[in-house]
Protein backbone atom coordinates (compact mmCIF):
# COMPACT_ATOMS: atom_id res chain seq x y z
CA UNK A 1 21.40 -6.11 -8.33
CA UNK A 2 23.55 -6.07 -5.20
CA UNK A 3 21.91 -2.92 -3.92
CA UNK A 4 18.44 -4.34 -4.45
CA UNK A 5 19.40 -7.59 -2.73
CA UNK A 6 20.79 -5.75 0.29
CA UNK A 7 17.90 -3.31 0.54
CA UNK A 8 15.07 -5.77 0.02
CA UNK A 9 16.47 -8.69 2.00
CA UNK A 10 17.52 -6.23 4.69
CA UNK A 11 13.91 -5.06 4.82
CA UNK A 12 12.74 -8.69 5.04
CA UNK A 13 15.11 -9.40 7.93
CA UNK A 14 14.34 -6.18 9.81
CA UNK A 15 10.64 -6.87 9.47
CA UNK A 16 11.04 -10.45 10.69
CA UNK A 17 12.92 -9.44 13.84
CA UNK A 18 10.86 -6.35 14.62
CA UNK A 19 13.51 -3.75 13.84
CA UNK A 20 13.47 -0.51 11.85
CA UNK A 21 12.60 -1.57 8.30
CA UNK A 22 12.91 1.77 6.54
CA UNK A 23 14.93 1.88 3.33
CA UNK A 24 16.86 5.10 2.74
CA UNK A 25 15.01 7.32 0.24
CA UNK A 26 17.99 7.66 -2.17
CA UNK A 27 18.21 3.86 -2.34
CA UNK A 28 14.45 3.60 -2.97
CA UNK A 29 14.71 6.21 -5.73
CA UNK A 30 17.63 4.42 -7.41
CA UNK A 31 15.89 1.04 -7.30
CA UNK A 32 12.62 2.44 -8.65
CA UNK A 33 14.52 4.19 -11.45
CA UNK A 34 16.17 0.88 -12.37
CA UNK A 35 12.84 -0.94 -12.37
CA UNK A 36 11.20 1.78 -14.47
CA UNK A 37 14.10 1.82 -16.93
CA UNK A 38 13.84 -1.92 -17.55
CA UNK A 39 10.26 -3.21 -17.30
CA UNK A 40 11.50 -6.75 -18.01
CA UNK A 41 13.30 -6.71 -14.66
CA UNK A 42 9.96 -7.44 -13.01
CA UNK A 43 9.78 -10.75 -14.86
CA UNK A 44 13.02 -12.06 -13.33
CA UNK A 45 12.44 -10.72 -9.85
CA UNK A 46 10.66 -13.91 -8.81
CA UNK A 47 7.88 -11.97 -7.11
CA UNK A 48 4.41 -11.07 -8.25
CA UNK A 49 3.72 -7.36 -7.75
CA UNK A 50 0.86 -6.57 -5.41
CA UNK A 51 -2.29 -5.27 -7.05
CA UNK A 52 -2.27 -1.48 -7.19
CA UNK A 53 1.51 -1.20 -6.88
CA UNK A 54 1.69 1.34 -9.70
CA UNK A 55 -0.52 3.77 -7.78
CA UNK A 56 1.86 3.86 -4.80
CA UNK A 57 4.95 6.00 -4.33
CA UNK A 58 8.36 5.69 -2.71
CA UNK A 59 9.20 2.71 -0.55
CA UNK A 60 5.58 1.52 -0.56
CA UNK A 61 5.74 1.23 -4.37
CA UNK A 62 9.12 -0.52 -4.31
CA UNK A 63 7.94 -3.04 -1.74
CA UNK A 64 4.67 -3.65 -3.59
CA UNK A 65 6.45 -4.14 -6.93
CA UNK A 66 8.62 -6.82 -5.33
CA UNK A 67 5.71 -8.63 -3.71
CA UNK A 68 6.30 -7.20 -0.24
CA UNK A 69 4.56 -4.77 2.05
């Protein structure tokens, strides 16, 4: 939970202030693995996944699953 909060809110902030918004690939992989391991985690995330999120990969998929991107 802490890692996802830091990564995703860090992305939000970086995006808002026009800075580098890349999330390190190992962090993306770990967060996607956690989401895939517990499908119910999407229900408590508070965000509606973007349509087509499942067809994406890497950071694009993570951001889409959390209503970003």
